[in-house]
C-alpha atoms as a PDB file:
ATOM      1  CA  MET A   1     -48.035 -78.779  69.777  1.00  0.00           C
ATOM      2  CA  LYS A   2     -48.930 -76.032  71.395  1.00  0.00           C
ATOM      3  CA  GLY A   3     -48.915 -76.285  75.025  1.00  0.00           C
ATOM      4  CA  SER A   4     -45.457 -79.095  74.993  1.00  0.00           C
ATOM      5  CA  HIS A   5     -43.277 -76.417  75.998  1.00  0.00           C
ATOM      6  CA  PRO A   6     -43.445 -74.171  78.900  1.00  0.00           C
ATOM      7  CA  PRO A   7     -43.872 -70.785  78.434  1.00  0.00           C
ATOM      8  CA  TYR A   8     -40.454 -69.676  79.110  1.00  0.00           C
ATOM      9  CA  ASP A   9     -37.613 -71.649  77.699  1.00  0.00           C
ATOM     10  CA  PRO A  10     -34.575 -70.993  80.436  1.00  0.00           C
ATOM     11  CA  HIS A  11     -32.324 -71.994  77.547  1.00  0.00           C
ATOM     12  CA  GLY A  12     -32.642 -69.353  74.970  1.00  0.00           C
ATOM     13  CA  PHE A  13     -31.011 -66.864  76.404  1.00  0.00           C
ATOM     14  CA  ARG A  14     -27.977 -68.696  77.034  1.00  0.00           C
ATOM     15  CA  TYR A  15     -28.737 -69.512  72.777  1.00  0.00           C
ATOM     16  CA  ALA A  16     -28.834 -65.915  72.063  1.00  0.00           C
ATOM     17  CA  VAL A  17     -25.701 -65.240  74.264  1.00  0.00           C
ATOM     18  CA  ARG A  18     -24.205 -67.397  72.321  1.00  0.00           C
ATOM     19  CA  GLY A  19     -25.221 -65.831  68.852  1.00  0.00           C
ATOM     20  CA  ILE A  20     -23.710 -62.966  69.794  1.00  0.00           C
ATOM     21  CA  GLY A  21     -20.452 -64.584  70.684  1.00  0.00           C
ATOM     22  CA  ARG A  22     -20.423 -66.280  67.123  1.00  0.00           C
ATOM     23  CA  ALA A  23     -21.580 -62.881  65.685  1.00  0.00           C
ATOM     24  CA  LEU A  24     -18.191 -61.250  67.187  1.00  0.00           C
ATOM     25  CA  VAL A  25     -15.842 -63.810  66.329  1.00  0.00           C
ATOM     26  CA  GLY A  26     -17.036 -63.779  62.775  1.00  0.00           C
ATOM     27  CA  GLU A  27     -18.406 -61.014  61.698  1.00  0.00           C
ATOM     28  CA  ARG A  28     -15.894 -57.973  61.119  1.00  0.00           C
ATOM     29  CA  ASN A  29     -18.426 -55.395  60.206  1.00  0.00           C
ATOM     30  CA  LEU A  30     -20.309 -56.526  64.049  1.00  0.00           C
ATOM     31  CA  ARG A  31     -16.800 -55.575  65.363  1.00  0.00           C
ATOM     32  CA  PHE A  32     -16.049 -52.445  63.948  1.00  0.00           C
ATOM     33  CA  GLN A  33     -19.873 -51.168  64.665  1.00  0.00           C
ATOM     34  CA  LEU A  34     -19.500 -52.365  67.989  1.00  0.00           C
ATOM     35  CA  THR A  35     -15.844 -50.604  68.264  1.00  0.00           C
ATOM     36  CA  ALA A  36     -17.293 -47.217  67.028  1.00  0.00           C
ATOM     37  CA  ALA A  37     -20.367 -47.663  69.531  1.00  0.00           C
ATOM     38  CA  LEU A  38     -17.994 -48.057  72.345  1.00  0.00           C
ATOM     39  CA  TYR A  39     -15.754 -44.859  71.349  1.00  0.00           C
ATOM     40  CA  LEU A  40     -19.365 -43.280  71.151  1.00  0.00           C
ATOM     41  CA  LEU A  41     -19.845 -43.995  74.385  1.00  0.00           C
ATOM     42  CA  TYR A  42     -16.876 -42.699  75.794  1.00  0.00           C
ATOM     43  CA  GLY A  43     -17.503 -39.581  74.136  1.00  0.00           C
ATOM     44  CA  MET A  44     -20.933 -39.357  75.454  1.00  0.00           C
ATOM     45  CA  ARG A  45     -19.608 -39.139  79.050  1.00  0.00           C
ATOM     46  CA  PHE A  46     -18.211 -35.503  77.961  1.00  0.00           C
ATOM     47  CA  TYR A  47     -21.399 -34.160  77.374  1.00  0.00           C
ATOM     48  CA  GLU A  48     -23.336 -32.206  80.595  1.00  0.00           C
ATOM     49  CA  GLN A  49     -27.284 -32.786  80.982  1.00  0.00           C
ATOM     50  CA  ALA A  50     -27.833 -29.258  79.775  1.00  0.00           C
ATOM     51  CA  GLU A  51     -26.176 -30.385  76.049  1.00  0.00           C
ATOM     52  CA  LEU A  52     -27.234 -34.120  75.674  1.00  0.00           C
ATOM     53  CA  SER A  53     -30.597 -34.879  77.734  1.00  0.00           C
ATOM     54  CA  ARG A  54     -31.685 -38.499  79.154  1.00  0.00           C
ATOM     55  CA  GLY A  55     -34.278 -38.509  75.952  1.00  0.00           C
ATOM     56  CA  GLU A  56     -31.262 -38.043  73.896  1.00  0.00           C
ATOM     57  CA  ARG A  57     -28.947 -40.574  75.093  1.00  0.00           C
ATOM     58  CA  ALA A  58     -31.626 -42.763  75.375  1.00  0.00           C
ATOM     59  CA  VAL A  59     -31.989 -42.480  71.337  1.00  0.00           C
ATOM     60  CA  LEU A  60     -28.683 -43.012  70.569  1.00  0.00           C
ATOM     61  CA  LEU A  61     -28.660 -46.482  72.649  1.00  0.00           C
ATOM     62  CA  LEU A  62     -31.379 -47.111  70.771  1.00  0.00           C
ATOM     63  CA  CYS A  63     -29.757 -46.504  67.362  1.00  0.00           C
ATOM     64  CA  ILE A  64     -26.578 -48.251  69.001  1.00  0.00           C
ATOM     65  CA  GLY A  65     -28.820 -51.394  69.568  1.00  0.00           C
ATOM     66  CA  LEU A  66     -30.656 -50.882  66.257  1.00  0.00           C
ATOM     67  CA  VAL A  67     -26.950 -50.979  64.001  1.00  0.00           C
ATOM     68  CA  LEU A  68     -25.748 -54.127  65.846  1.00  0.00           C
ATOM     69  CA  ALA A  69     -29.332 -56.269  66.157  1.00  0.00           C
ATOM     70  CA  PHE A  70     -29.578 -55.148  62.177  1.00  0.00           C
ATOM     71  CA  GLU A  71     -26.001 -56.426  61.308  1.00  0.00           C
ATOM     72  CA  MET A  72     -27.045 -59.748  63.541  1.00  0.00           C
ATOM     73  CA  MET A  73     -30.083 -60.335  61.628  1.00  0.00           C
ATOM     74  CA  ASN A  74     -27.740 -59.905  58.214  1.00  0.00           C
ATOM     75  CA  THR A  75     -25.861 -62.348  59.401  1.00  0.00           C
ATOM     76  CA  ALA A  76     -28.299 -64.826  60.031  1.00  0.00           C
ATOM     77  CA  VAL A  77     -30.288 -64.139  56.552  1.00  0.00           C
ATOM     78  CA  GLU A  78     -26.272 -64.763  54.676  1.00  0.00           C
ATOM     79  CA  TYR A  79     -26.200 -67.850  56.712  1.00  0.00           C
ATOM     80  CA  ALA A  80     -29.777 -69.086  55.998  1.00  0.00           C
ATOM     81  CA  VAL A  81     -29.268 -68.156  52.244  1.00  0.00           C
ATOM     82  CA  ASP A  82     -25.966 -70.049  51.995  1.00  0.00           C
ATOM     83  CA  LEU A  83     -27.774 -73.045  53.751  1.00  0.00           C
ATOM     84  CA  THR A  84     -30.331 -73.435  51.729  1.00  0.00           C
ATOM     85  CA  SER A  85     -28.848 -71.848  48.427  1.00  0.00           C
ATOM     86  CA  PRO A  86     -25.781 -73.024  48.174  1.00  0.00           C
ATOM     87  CA  ARG A  87     -24.824 -72.652  44.402  1.00  0.00           C
ATOM     88  CA  ARG A  88     -25.098 -69.016  43.137  1.00  0.00           C
ATOM     89  CA  ALA A  89     -28.476 -68.077  42.561  1.00  0.00           C
ATOM     90  CA  PRO A  90     -30.058 -64.174  41.506  1.00  0.00           C
ATOM     91  CA  LEU A  91     -32.658 -64.336  44.319  1.00  0.00           C
ATOM     92  CA  ALA A  92     -30.225 -65.627  47.018  1.00  0.00           C
ATOM     93  CA  GLY A  93     -27.886 -62.853  46.236  1.00  0.00           C
ATOM     94  CA  TRP A  94     -30.707 -60.228  45.597  1.00  0.00           C
ATOM     95  CA  ALA A  95     -32.065 -61.850  49.685  1.00  0.00           C
ATOM     96  CA  LYS A  96     -28.382 -61.016  50.459  1.00  0.00           C
ATOM     97  CA  ASP A  97     -27.782 -57.396  48.934  1.00  0.00           C
ATOM     98  CA  ALA A  98     -31.326 -56.409  50.605  1.00  0.00           C
ATOM     99  CA  ALA A  99     -30.117 -57.491  54.180  1.00  0.00           C
ATOM    100  CA  ALA A 100     -26.474 -55.470  53.234  1.00  0.00           C
ATOM    101  CA  ALA A 101     -28.700 -52.692  52.307  1.00  0.00           C
ATOM    102  CA  ALA A 102     -31.146 -52.448  55.346  1.00  0.00           C
ATOM    103  CA  VAL A 103     -27.841 -52.646  57.497  1.00  0.00           C
ATOM    104  CA  LEU A 104     -26.741 -49.803  55.790  1.00  0.00           C
ATOM    105  CA  VAL A 105     -29.493 -47.769  56.073  1.00  0.00           C
ATOM    106  CA  ILE A 106     -30.311 -48.097  59.600  1.00  0.00           C
ATOM    107  CA  ALA A 107     -26.736 -47.493  60.186  1.00  0.00           C
ATOM    108  CA  LEU A 108     -26.705 -43.977  58.474  1.00  0.00           C
ATOM    109  CA  ALA A 109     -29.597 -42.835  60.098  1.00  0.00           C
ATOM    110  CA  GLY A 110     -27.360 -43.699  63.219  1.00  0.00           C
ATOM    111  CA  VAL A 111     -24.668 -41.419  61.908  1.00  0.00           C
ATOM    112  CA  ALA A 112     -27.455 -39.013  61.212  1.00  0.00           C
ATOM    113  CA  VAL A 113     -28.675 -39.027  64.512  1.00  0.00           C
ATOM    114  CA  GLY A 114     -25.117 -38.615  65.927  1.00  0.00           C
ATOM    115  CA  LEU A 115     -24.237 -36.056  64.134  1.00  0.00           C
ATOM    116  CA  LEU A 116     -27.464 -34.167  64.979  1.00  0.00           C
ATOM    117  CA  LEU A 117     -27.221 -34.829  68.622  1.00  0.00           C
ATOM    118  CA  LEU A 118     -23.366 -34.668  69.118  1.00  0.00           C
ATOM    119  CA  TRP A 119     -22.353 -31.908  67.106  1.00  0.00           C
ATOM    120  CA  ASN A 120     -20.855 -29.284  69.796  1.00  0.00           C
ATOM    121  CA  PRO A 121     -17.524 -27.980  69.301  1.00  0.00           C
ATOM    122  CA  ALA A 122     -17.616 -26.625  72.890  1.00  0.00           C
ATOM    123  CA  VAL A 123     -17.591 -30.673  73.626  1.00  0.00           C
ATOM    124  CA  PHE A 124     -14.758 -31.636  71.128  1.00  0.00           C
ATOM    125  CA  VAL A 125     -12.880 -28.790  72.846  1.00  0.00           C
ATOM    126  CA  ARG A 126     -13.762 -29.960  76.390  1.00  0.00           C
ATOM    127  CA  MET A 127     -12.681 -33.321  75.690  1.00  0.00           C
ATOM    128  CA  LEU A 128      -9.312 -32.181  74.103  1.00  0.00           C
ATOM    129  CA  ASP A 129      -8.532 -30.319  77.297  1.00  0.00           C
ATOM    130  CA  TYR A 130      -9.280 -33.466  78.933  1.00  0.00           C
ATOM    131  CA  HIS A 131      -6.707 -35.520  77.378  1.00  0.00           C
ATOM    132  CA  LEU A 132      -4.109 -32.489  76.846  1.00  0.00           C
ATOM    133  CA  ALA A 133      -4.267 -31.952  80.785  1.00  0.00           C
ATOM    134  CA  ARG A 134      -2.641 -35.495  81.351  1.00  0.00           C
ATOM    135  CA  PRO A 135      -0.591 -36.730  78.241  1.00  0.00           C
ATOM    136  CA  SER A 136      -1.503 -40.217  80.256  1.00  0.00           C
ATOM    137  CA  ARG A 137      -4.856 -39.681  79.115  1.00  0.00           C
ATOM    138  CA  LEU A 138      -4.058 -39.118  75.711  1.00  0.00           C
ATOM    139  CA  ALA A 139      -1.564 -41.788  75.268  1.00  0.00           C
ATOM    140  CA  ILE A 140      -4.039 -44.333  76.375  1.00  0.00           C
ATOM    141  CA  LEU A 141      -6.798 -43.151  74.398  1.00  0.00           C
ATOM    142  CA  LEU A 142      -4.053 -43.334  71.489  1.00  0.00           C
ATOM    143  CA  LEU A 143      -3.154 -46.751  72.872  1.00  0.00           C
ATOM    144  CA  THR A 144      -6.515 -48.098  72.388  1.00  0.00           C
ATOM    145  CA  LEU A 145      -6.290 -47.367  68.660  1.00  0.00           C
ATOM    146  CA  PRO A 146      -3.782 -50.079  67.223  1.00  0.00           C
ATOM    147  CA  LEU A 147      -5.907 -52.472  69.875  1.00  0.00           C
ATOM    148  CA  ALA A 148      -9.247 -51.703  68.312  1.00  0.00           C
ATOM    149  CA  TRP A 149      -7.608 -52.272  64.760  1.00  0.00           C
ATOM    150  CA  LEU A 150      -6.523 -55.635  65.708  1.00  0.00           C
ATOM    151  CA  TRP A 151     -10.125 -56.723  67.203  1.00  0.00           C
ATOM    152  CA  VAL A 152     -11.716 -55.429  64.341  1.00  0.00           C
ATOM    153  CA  TYR A 153      -9.477 -56.675  61.423  1.00  0.00           C
ATOM    154  CA  ARG A 154      -8.287 -59.909  63.017  1.00  0.00           C
ATOM    155  CA  GLY A 155     -11.054 -60.953  65.906  1.00  0.00           C
ATOM    156  CA  PRO A 156     -10.870 -62.660  69.084  1.00  0.00           C
ATOM    157  CA  GLY A 157      -7.611 -64.783  69.184  1.00  0.00           C
ATOM    158  CA  GLY A 158      -5.986 -63.151  66.084  1.00  0.00           C
ATOM    159  CA  ARG A 159      -7.983 -64.994  63.701  1.00  0.00           C
ATOM    160  CA  ARG A 160      -9.278 -63.446  60.985  1.00  0.00           C
ATOM    161  CA  ASP A 161     -13.203 -64.348  59.605  1.00  0.00           C
ATOM    162  CA  HIS A 162     -12.002 -66.849  56.973  1.00  0.00           C
ATOM    163  CA  GLU A 163     -10.004 -68.957  59.596  1.00  0.00           C
ATOM    164  CA  LYS A 164     -12.867 -69.216  62.613  1.00  0.00           C
ATOM    165  CA  THR A 165     -13.581 -72.759  62.955  1.00  0.00           C
ATOM    166  CA  GLU A 166     -17.272 -74.030  63.194  1.00  0.00           C
ATOM    167  CA  GLU A 167     -18.604 -74.784  66.463  1.00  0.00           C
ATOM    168  CA  LYS A 168     -20.901 -77.624  67.323  1.00  0.00           C
ATOM    169  CA  ASP A 169     -24.484 -76.343  67.959  1.00  0.00           C
ATOM    170  CA  ASP A 170     -25.807 -78.833  71.097  1.00  0.00           C
ATOM    171  CA  ARG A 171     -29.425 -77.923  70.719  1.00  0.00           C
END
């Protein structure tokens, strides 16, 4: 009924944050994409303003946001299809494949944008020099790699995706 709800739902933000949390717990691909984005953001700090403008940084952030959002939409489509079509059905498979393809297309576009904007061997040398100047920096960076692998492949709390537990929805 129109007009019966306030124009702003104060719980909507909480539901959205919970959705992000649930997606991070249950979706390995989202964890991989977020981890790659964090490494990308770390690498961006080595670019000077003349090498990477504010507009170019904004485009990279937009690409990151789009890839993560598409992955969460893909997850929503998969769950909705599973809920409405518990048995195998060709159209259900097509819907899931199309949603996954959308993620692939936007991810490949993001990689292309990243390569076009970030490919700069001088910056790569600067990154290497920065880490070699203090071996502890290199050690910390290298230590993050197995931790990132655990985060991506085991998930929060060391659970695999198929071991996740269902949470009660309090709506």
